[in-house]
Amino acid sequence: MNERGGSDANETGGSGPAAWQTAVISRIEPRTARMRSYYLQAPLARHAAGQHVDVRLTAPDGYQARRSYSIASAPGADALELAIEMLDDGEVSAWFHEVAQAGDTIGVRGPLGGHFVWSAEQPGPIVLVAGGSGVVPLVSIARAWREAGAPVPALLLHSARSWDSLAYREELRGIATAHGNFSYLTTVTRDANAAADHARRIDRAMIAEALARLADVPGTCYVCGANGFVETAAQLLVAAGIAPRTIRTERYGG
């Protein structure tokens, strides 16, 4: 889930996911040239892998801007990690990349979302398909999967414009190295000389290659990215014989 507007329900007071809380940015780490991870200390309930939070910024004159961001951290992590990509016309992402520092406070509420989530009790295997920054909630799922003891076969197919824009690439490669039942495939669309597995947009042959790495039919598929990417990837999965009811999607504008 990338930068987009949020709703305004339950503006003040109360408790639970819909109530606004104050979060402190404890540290900031680079992910790619255009993405950074912001680690928050926030009094929120434990999230499920794949969920998101709403973020609210308030200017000195009272102007407020709200966006929704996926959670990258695994459930139960010491800090809530939001990986935020700098968007050319992104009002909130610009603040994070150009202004935010450790120690700053922001408003957050959540965790939110109950459809695009994974738990260790779900049947496997699981397939994760990401376009660009759509990898963020899938990283949360991959981390939760690892911490649950790698209970079912899993595969993550990540498409990005360039090798350097494959966020979390080294961590995901490390998971694949440590766990034989986790496959990590990459493809880049504008970087033919990269070390990625492929250098083209996701297509029928790539989906077939990915699914062939699994020992059984996927129990659930998660697809996250821009609107067009999600639509194409979901259609390719269905064309490969995946039941539509097992495909969960999360998309953002663009």
Protein backbone atom coordinates (compact mmCIF):
# COMPACT_ATOMS: atom_id res chain seq x y z
CA MET A 1 0.00 0.00 0.00
CA ASN A 2 1.56 3.26 -1.10
CA GLU A 3 0.68 6.89 -0.46
CA ARG A 4 -3.03 7.60 -0.74
CA GLY A 5 -5.80 9.32 1.16
CA GLY A 6 -7.22 8.00 4.40
CA SER A 7 -10.64 8.14 6.02
CA ASP A 8 -11.59 10.40 8.93
CA ALA A 9 -13.68 8.13 11.18
CA ASN A 10 -13.29 8.45 14.95
CA GLU A 11 -11.11 11.58 14.86
CA THR A 12 -10.53 11.97 18.58
CA GLY A 13 -10.56 9.95 21.77
CA GLY A 14 -11.43 6.32 22.25
CA SER A 15 -9.24 3.29 21.77
CA GLY A 16 -8.77 0.50 19.27
CA PRO A 17 -7.64 0.52 15.63
CA ALA A 18 -9.75 3.55 14.63
CA ALA A 19 -8.39 5.84 17.35
CA TRP A 20 -5.53 8.21 16.59
CA GLN A 21 -2.38 7.70 18.67
CA THR A 22 0.93 9.53 18.86
CA ALA A 23 3.96 7.74 17.41
CA VAL A 24 7.63 8.71 17.69
CA ILE A 25 10.07 8.10 14.83
CA SER A 26 12.89 6.20 16.53
CA ARG A 27 15.17 5.75 13.52
CA ILE A 28 15.31 6.06 9.72
CA GLU A 29 17.13 3.67 7.36
CA PRO A 30 17.56 3.80 3.55
CA ARG A 31 16.08 0.99 1.48
CA THR A 32 16.61 2.23 -2.09
CA ALA A 33 17.38 5.60 -3.66
CA ARG A 34 13.69 6.49 -3.32
CA MET A 35 12.56 4.44 -0.31
CA ARG A 36 13.35 4.68 3.38
CA SER A 37 12.19 2.72 6.41
CA TYR A 38 10.77 4.71 9.31
CA TYR A 39 10.68 2.87 12.61
CA LEU A 40 7.95 4.03 14.96
CA GLN A 41 7.34 3.59 18.66
CA ALA A 42 3.55 3.59 18.80
CA PRO A 43 0.97 2.35 21.35
CA LEU A 44 -0.88 0.18 18.83
CA ALA A 45 -2.20 -3.35 19.12
CA ARG A 46 -0.19 -6.19 17.62
CA HIS A 47 -0.72 -6.25 13.84
CA ALA A 48 -1.21 -9.17 11.50
CA ALA A 49 1.21 -9.66 8.61
CA GLY A 50 -0.13 -7.70 5.63
CA GLN A 51 -1.99 -4.98 7.53
CA HIS A 52 -1.51 -1.21 7.26
CA VAL A 53 -1.83 1.95 9.32
CA ASP A 54 -3.13 5.44 8.63
CA VAL A 55 -0.66 8.28 9.16
CA ARG A 56 -1.66 11.86 9.98
CA LEU A 57 0.60 14.91 9.75
CA THR A 58 -0.48 18.20 11.32
CA ALA A 59 1.07 21.54 10.30
CA PRO A 60 1.52 24.45 12.75
CA ASP A 61 -1.47 26.21 11.14
CA GLY A 62 -3.68 23.18 11.79
CA TYR A 63 -3.66 21.80 8.22
CA GLN A 64 -3.69 18.00 8.21
CA ALA A 65 -2.75 15.41 5.61
CA ARG A 66 -3.46 11.69 5.91
CA ARG A 67 -2.19 8.66 4.02
CA SER A 68 -2.21 4.88 4.44
CA TYR A 69 1.01 2.87 4.54
CA SER A 70 1.61 -0.86 4.72
CA ILE A 71 3.52 -2.29 7.67
CA ALA A 72 6.81 -3.97 6.81
CA SER A 73 7.70 -5.28 10.27
CA ALA A 74 6.72 -8.74 11.44
CA PRO A 75 3.97 -9.01 14.05
CA GLY A 76 5.39 -8.45 17.52
CA ALA A 77 8.48 -6.53 16.35
CA ASP A 78 9.98 -4.00 18.75
CA ALA A 79 9.19 -1.11 16.38
CA LEU A 80 6.56 -0.57 13.70
CA GLU A 81 8.35 -0.28 10.35
CA LEU A 82 6.84 1.74 7.50
CA ALA A 83 8.81 1.70 4.23
CA ILE A 84 7.84 4.89 2.39
CA GLU A 85 8.70 5.63 -1.23
CA MET A 86 9.29 9.20 -2.36
CA LEU A 87 6.61 10.15 -4.90
CA ASP A 88 7.07 13.10 -7.25
CA ASP A 89 3.68 14.53 -6.29
CA GLY A 90 3.50 12.96 -2.82
CA GLU A 91 2.60 15.51 -0.17
CA VAL A 92 3.13 13.18 2.78
CA SER A 93 6.02 11.19 1.32
CA ALA A 94 7.85 14.47 0.64
CA TRP A 95 7.61 15.36 4.34
CA PHE A 96 9.01 11.99 5.35
CA HIS A 97 11.92 12.19 2.90
CA GLU A 98 12.76 15.88 3.19
CA VAL A 99 11.80 16.86 6.73
CA ALA A 100 11.30 13.91 9.08
CA GLN A 101 14.00 13.13 11.65
CA ALA A 102 14.36 10.70 14.51
CA GLY A 103 12.45 12.08 17.48
CA ASP A 104 9.63 13.61 15.42
CA THR A 105 6.07 12.69 16.34
CA ILE A 106 3.20 11.86 13.99
CA GLY A 107 -0.36 10.62 14.32
CA VAL A 108 -1.10 6.96 13.55
CA ARG A 109 -4.08 4.64 13.82
CA GLY A 110 -4.47 0.96 13.21
CA PRO A 111 -3.62 -1.72 12.53
CA LEU A 112 -6.18 -1.81 9.73
CA GLY A 113 -7.27 -4.32 7.11
CA GLY A 114 -8.49 -7.87 7.53
CA HIS A 115 -8.43 -9.36 4.02
CA PHE A 116 -4.81 -8.99 2.88
CA VAL A 117 -3.32 -10.83 5.86
CA TRP A 118 -1.48 -14.08 6.51
CA SER A 119 -1.23 -16.30 9.57
CA ALA A 120 0.60 -19.55 10.20
CA GLU A 121 -2.71 -21.39 10.48
CA GLN A 122 -3.53 -20.87 6.81
CA PRO A 123 -2.99 -23.76 4.39
CA GLY A 124 -0.11 -23.46 1.97
CA PRO A 125 1.80 -23.02 -0.15
CA ILE A 126 1.72 -19.21 -0.36
CA VAL A 127 2.60 -17.09 -3.41
CA LEU A 128 3.59 -13.43 -3.05
CA VAL A 129 3.72 -11.20 -6.14
CA ALA A 130 4.98 -7.62 -5.79
CA GLY A 131 5.28 -4.68 -8.14
CA GLY A 132 7.77 -2.03 -6.97
CA SER A 133 7.00 -0.75 -3.48
CA GLY A 134 4.12 -3.23 -3.32
CA VAL A 135 6.69 -5.56 -1.76
CA VAL A 136 6.31 -3.86 1.64
CA PRO A 137 3.34 -5.83 3.08
CA LEU A 138 4.75 -8.98 1.49
CA VAL A 139 7.98 -8.47 3.43
CA SER A 140 5.88 -8.46 6.59
CA ILE A 141 4.34 -11.76 5.48
CA ALA A 142 7.75 -13.24 4.60
CA ARG A 143 9.14 -12.21 7.99
CA ALA A 144 6.13 -13.62 9.81
CA TRP A 145 6.47 -16.84 7.81
CA ARG A 146 10.12 -17.13 8.80
CA GLU A 147 9.41 -16.46 12.47
CA ALA A 148 6.61 -19.05 12.42
CA GLY A 149 9.18 -21.67 11.47
CA ALA A 150 8.62 -21.67 7.69
CA PRO A 151 5.50 -23.82 8.05
CA VAL A 152 4.55 -24.10 4.36
CA PRO A 153 6.34 -23.62 1.01
CA ALA A 154 6.44 -19.96 -0.04
CA LEU A 155 7.49 -18.00 -3.09
CA LEU A 156 7.97 -14.28 -3.69
CA LEU A 157 8.13 -12.85 -7.23
CA HIS A 158 9.23 -9.20 -7.23
CA SER A 159 9.13 -6.91 -10.25
CA ALA A 160 10.77 -3.46 -10.25
CA ARG A 161 12.19 -1.03 -12.76
CA SER A 162 15.83 -1.67 -11.86
CA TRP A 163 18.03 -3.96 -9.79
CA ASP A 164 18.74 -1.20 -7.30
CA SER A 165 15.03 -0.50 -6.80
CA LEU A 166 14.28 -4.05 -5.62
CA ALA A 167 13.68 -3.08 -1.99
CA TYR A 168 14.59 -5.70 0.65
CA ARG A 169 16.40 -7.69 -2.04
CA GLU A 170 19.27 -8.86 0.15
CA GLU A 171 17.05 -9.77 3.09
CA LEU A 172 14.74 -11.80 0.88
CA ARG A 173 17.67 -13.55 -0.78
CA GLY A 174 18.92 -14.37 2.70
CA ILE A 175 15.58 -15.93 3.64
CA ALA A 176 15.71 -18.04 0.48
CA THR A 177 19.25 -19.17 1.31
CA ALA A 178 18.32 -20.11 4.87
CA HIS A 179 15.05 -21.84 4.04
CA GLY A 180 14.87 -24.35 1.22
CA ASN A 181 11.09 -24.03 0.95
CA PHE A 182 11.25 -20.27 0.20
CA SER A 183 11.86 -19.15 -3.39
CA TYR A 184 12.72 -15.57 -4.35
CA LEU A 185 12.46 -14.56 -8.01
CA THR A 186 13.21 -11.11 -9.40
CA THR A 187 12.54 -9.33 -12.65
CA VAL A 188 13.45 -5.82 -13.79
CA THR A 189 11.77 -3.90 -16.60
CA ARG A 190 14.34 -1.17 -17.39
CA ASP A 191 17.68 -2.69 -16.42
CA ALA A 192 18.66 -5.43 -18.86
CA ASN A 193 22.19 -5.78 -17.43
CA ALA A 194 21.03 -6.45 -13.90
CA ALA A 195 21.59 -9.65 -11.94
CA ALA A 196 17.86 -10.27 -11.75
CA ASP A 197 16.37 -13.61 -12.80
CA HIS A 198 14.52 -11.90 -15.64
CA ALA A 199 14.56 -8.58 -17.51
CA ARG A 200 10.95 -8.10 -18.64
CA ARG A 201 7.49 -7.49 -17.31
CA ILE A 202 5.74 -10.35 -15.55
CA ASP A 203 4.17 -12.63 -18.14
CA ARG A 204 2.57 -16.05 -18.49
CA ALA A 205 5.90 -17.91 -18.81
CA MET A 206 7.31 -16.23 -15.70
CA ILE A 207 4.24 -17.11 -13.64
CA ALA A 208 4.46 -20.71 -14.87
CA GLU A 209 8.14 -20.89 -13.89
CA ALA A 210 7.37 -19.52 -10.43
CA LEU A 211 4.49 -21.90 -9.76
CA ALA A 212 6.59 -24.84 -10.94
CA ARG A 213 8.88 -24.28 -7.96
CA LEU A 214 6.07 -25.20 -5.58
CA ALA A 215 5.27 -28.77 -4.69
CA ASP A 216 1.53 -28.16 -4.60
CA VAL A 217 -1.21 -25.76 -5.67
CA PRO A 218 -1.01 -22.47 -3.71
CA GLY A 219 -3.38 -22.12 -0.80
CA THR A 220 -3.32 -18.31 -1.04
CA CYS A 221 -1.78 -15.80 -3.43
CA TYR A 222 -1.07 -12.19 -2.42
CA VAL A 223 -0.57 -9.55 -5.13
CA CYS A 224 0.39 -5.96 -4.31
CA GLY A 225 1.39 -3.03 -6.50
CA ALA A 226 0.00 -0.35 -8.76
CA ASN A 227 -3.46 -0.84 -10.26
CA GLY A 228 -2.31 -2.04 -13.67
CA PHE A 229 0.30 -4.41 -12.25
CA VAL A 230 -2.16 -6.03 -9.86
CA GLU A 231 -4.77 -6.50 -12.57
CA THR A 232 -2.26 -8.13 -14.93
CA ALA A 233 -0.67 -10.36 -12.29
CA ALA A 234 -4.04 -11.57 -11.00
CA GLN A 235 -5.19 -12.39 -14.53
CA LEU A 236 -1.97 -14.33 -15.19
CA LEU A 237 -2.45 -16.35 -12.01
CA VAL A 238 -6.01 -17.24 -13.01
CA ALA A 239 -4.82 -18.17 -16.52
CA ALA A 240 -2.27 -20.48 -14.88
CA GLY A 241 -5.07 -22.36 -13.14
CA ILE A 242 -5.15 -20.58 -9.76
CA ALA A 243 -8.66 -20.31 -8.32
CA PRO A 244 -9.73 -16.64 -8.16
CA ARG A 245 -11.03 -17.10 -4.60
CA THR A 246 -7.48 -17.81 -3.41
CA ILE A 247 -6.06 -14.54 -4.81
CA ARG A 248 -5.94 -11.53 -2.48
CA THR A 249 -4.98 -8.14 -3.88
CA GLU A 250 -3.83 -4.82 -2.51
CA ARG A 251 -3.39 -1.90 -4.89
CA TYR A 252 -2.57 1.77 -5.02
CA GLY A 253 -3.09 4.46 -7.63
CA GLY A 254 -0.77 5.04 -10.56
